[in-house]
C-alpha atoms as a PDB file:
ATOM      1  CA  MET A   1      47.152-112.807 -46.251  1.00  0.00           C
ATOM      2  CA  ASN A   2      45.547-111.626 -49.504  1.00  0.00           C
ATOM      3  CA  LEU A   3      43.697-108.525 -48.296  1.00  0.00           C
ATOM      4  CA  GLY A   4      41.529-106.320 -50.494  1.00  0.00           C
ATOM      5  CA  TYR A   5      38.032-104.948 -50.956  1.00  0.00           C
ATOM      6  CA  VAL A   6      34.923-106.578 -52.359  1.00  0.00           C
ATOM      7  CA  TYR A   7      32.093-104.221 -53.167  1.00  0.00           C
ATOM      8  CA  ILE A   8      28.578-103.957 -54.466  1.00  0.00           C
ATOM      9  CA  ILE A   9      27.655-100.795 -56.328  1.00  0.00           C
ATOM     10  CA  LYS A  10      24.511 -99.948 -58.222  1.00  0.00           C
ATOM     11  CA  PHE A  11      23.171 -97.447 -60.653  1.00  0.00           C
ATOM     12  CA  ALA A  12      19.854 -96.833 -62.341  1.00  0.00           C
ATOM     13  CA  ASP A  13      19.724 -96.175 -66.068  1.00  0.00           C
ATOM     14  CA  SER A  14      17.528 -93.508 -67.658  1.00  0.00           C
ATOM     15  CA  SER A  15      14.516 -95.850 -67.578  1.00  0.00           C
ATOM     16  CA  GLY A  16      15.001 -96.467 -63.840  1.00  0.00           C
ATOM     17  CA  ARG A  17      16.252-100.054 -64.178  1.00  0.00           C
ATOM     18  CA  GLU A  18      18.861-100.848 -61.510  1.00  0.00           C
ATOM     19  CA  PHE A  19      22.106-102.656 -62.223  1.00  0.00           C
ATOM     20  CA  TYR A  20      24.457-103.991 -59.544  1.00  0.00           C
ATOM     21  CA  LYS A  21      28.158-104.711 -59.858  1.00  0.00           C
ATOM     22  CA  ILE A  22      29.967-107.150 -57.587  1.00  0.00           C
ATOM     23  CA  GLY A  23      33.656-106.412 -57.893  1.00  0.00           C
ATOM     24  CA  LEU A  24      37.001-106.333 -56.139  1.00  0.00           C
ATOM     25  CA  THR A  25      39.907-103.969 -55.764  1.00  0.00           C
ATOM     26  CA  LYS A  26      43.013-103.302 -53.714  1.00  0.00           C
ATOM     27  CA  TYR A  27      42.465 -99.526 -53.967  1.00  0.00           C
ATOM     28  CA  LYS A  28      38.852 -98.627 -53.233  1.00  0.00           C
ATOM     29  CA  THR A  29      38.924 -94.887 -53.923  1.00  0.00           C
ATOM     30  CA  LYS A  30      40.735 -95.273 -57.227  1.00  0.00           C
ATOM     31  CA  ARG A  31      38.369 -98.036 -58.355  1.00  0.00           C
ATOM     32  CA  ILE A  32      35.189 -96.164 -57.468  1.00  0.00           C
ATOM     33  CA  VAL A  33      36.404 -93.025 -59.235  1.00  0.00           C
ATOM     34  CA  HIS A  34      37.227 -95.108 -62.318  1.00  0.00           C
ATOM     35  CA  ILE A  35      33.789 -96.733 -62.405  1.00  0.00           C
ATOM     36  CA  ALA A  36      32.114 -93.353 -61.975  1.00  0.00           C
ATOM     37  CA  THR A  37      33.939 -92.052 -65.044  1.00  0.00           C
ATOM     38  CA  VAL A  38      32.910 -94.916 -67.355  1.00  0.00           C
ATOM     39  CA  ILE A  39      29.231 -95.182 -66.387  1.00  0.00           C
ATOM     40  CA  PRO A  40      27.098 -92.241 -67.510  1.00  0.00           C
ATOM     41  CA  PHE A  41      24.810 -92.527 -64.473  1.00  0.00           C
ATOM     42  CA  LYS A  42      25.273 -91.718 -60.804  1.00  0.00           C
ATOM     43  CA  ILE A  43      26.601 -94.760 -58.956  1.00  0.00           C
ATOM     44  CA  GLN A  44      25.746 -95.648 -55.380  1.00  0.00           C
ATOM     45  CA  MET A  45      27.932 -97.696 -53.074  1.00  0.00           C
ATOM     46  CA  VAL A  46      25.729-100.414 -51.621  1.00  0.00           C
ATOM     47  CA  LYS A  47      28.420-102.172 -49.568  1.00  0.00           C
ATOM     48  CA  ILE A  48      32.190-102.389 -49.479  1.00  0.00           C
ATOM     49  CA  VAL A  49      34.144-104.608 -47.111  1.00  0.00           C
ATOM     50  CA  TYR A  50      37.804-105.206 -46.439  1.00  0.00           C
ATOM     51  CA  VAL A  51      38.386-108.950 -46.587  1.00  0.00           C
ATOM     52  CA  SER A  52      41.097-111.544 -46.619  1.00  0.00           C
ATOM     53  CA  ASN A  53      41.190-113.653 -49.787  1.00  0.00           C
ATOM     54  CA  TYR A  54      39.293-110.968 -51.667  1.00  0.00           C
ATOM     55  CA  ARG A  55      39.468-112.813 -55.009  1.00  0.00           C
ATOM     56  CA  LEU A  56      37.925-115.915 -53.459  1.00  0.00           C
ATOM     57  CA  ILE A  57      35.186-113.866 -51.768  1.00  0.00           C
ATOM     58  CA  GLU A  58      34.307-112.091 -55.019  1.00  0.00           C
ATOM     59  CA  LYS A  59      34.138-115.464 -56.791  1.00  0.00           C
ATOM     60  CA  HIS A  60      31.875-116.788 -54.030  1.00  0.00           C
ATOM     61  CA  MET A  61      29.552-113.794 -54.409  1.00  0.00           C
ATOM     62  CA  HIS A  62      29.396-114.279 -58.184  1.00  0.00           C
ATOM     63  CA  GLU A  63      28.561-117.946 -57.743  1.00  0.00           C
ATOM     64  CA  LYS A  64      25.989-117.384 -55.002  1.00  0.00           C
ATOM     65  CA  PHE A  65      24.115-114.791 -57.054  1.00  0.00           C
ATOM     66  CA  ALA A  66      24.743-116.348 -60.481  1.00  0.00           C
ATOM     67  CA  LYS A  67      21.062-116.705 -61.284  1.00  0.00           C
ATOM     68  CA  TYR A  68      20.774-112.891 -61.095  1.00  0.00           C
ATOM     69  CA  LYS A  69      23.675-112.268 -63.473  1.00  0.00           C
ATOM     70  CA  ILE A  70      23.026-109.969 -66.408  1.00  0.00           C
ATOM     71  CA  LEU A  71      26.516-109.814 -67.912  1.00  0.00           C
ATOM     72  CA  ASN A  72      30.036-110.333 -66.523  1.00  0.00           C
ATOM     73  CA  GLU A  73      30.087-108.635 -63.092  1.00  0.00           C
ATOM     74  CA  TRP A  74      26.651-107.033 -63.491  1.00  0.00           C
ATOM     75  CA  PHE A  75      23.618-108.421 -61.691  1.00  0.00           C
ATOM     76  CA  ASP A  76      19.953-107.680 -61.067  1.00  0.00           C
ATOM     77  CA  LEU A  77      19.928-107.861 -57.271  1.00  0.00           C
ATOM     78  CA  ARG A  78      16.821-105.760 -56.655  1.00  0.00           C
ATOM     79  CA  LYS A  79      14.937-108.620 -54.994  1.00  0.00           C
ATOM     80  CA  VAL A  80      17.936-109.875 -53.009  1.00  0.00           C
ATOM     81  CA  GLU A  81      19.910-106.693 -52.236  1.00  0.00           C
ATOM     82  CA  ASN A  82      19.652-107.161 -48.457  1.00  0.00           C
ATOM     83  CA  GLU A  83      20.712-110.798 -48.751  1.00  0.00           C
ATOM     84  CA  ALA A  84      23.749-109.809 -50.836  1.00  0.00           C
ATOM     85  CA  ILE A  85      24.728-107.120 -48.326  1.00  0.00           C
ATOM     86  CA  LEU A  86      24.460-109.559 -45.422  1.00  0.00           C
ATOM     87  CA  GLU A  87      26.410-112.232 -47.311  1.00  0.00           C
ATOM     88  CA  LEU A  88      29.244-109.800 -48.044  1.00  0.00           C
ATOM     89  CA  THR A  89      29.235-108.412 -44.491  1.00  0.00           C
ATOM     90  CA  ASN A  90      29.805-111.929 -43.126  1.00  0.00           C
ATOM     91  CA  PHE A  91      33.257-111.941 -44.751  1.00  0.00           C
ATOM     92  CA  GLU A  92      34.431-108.567 -43.417  1.00  0.00           C
ATOM     93  CA  PHE A  93      37.990-108.725 -42.066  1.00  0.00           C
ATOM     94  CA  LYS A  94      38.089-107.889 -38.378  1.00  0.00           C
ATOM     95  CA  GLY A  95      41.876-107.786 -38.217  1.00  0.00           C
ATOM     96  CA  SER A  96      44.065-107.528 -35.195  1.00  0.00           C
END
């Protein structure tokens, strides 16, 4: 099983505009710390889930919310944040 994390984080720039990142990682703490060091604004974790097939789930999220894409893994999800959270939650690995 290809287990890992898929996450949604956001930050607001100095003008107050919000940007959302849909990403993946095997090591959540390390990844979040890295992102926090390269973005000059405070980041907020919107949702992170442990999933099987994490690369496939991230791809699905990118495709589902493609019309909100700004650049690469960055999206404007302000109007659909709750929908994105619910969509990602549906894939959460329950494990055994």
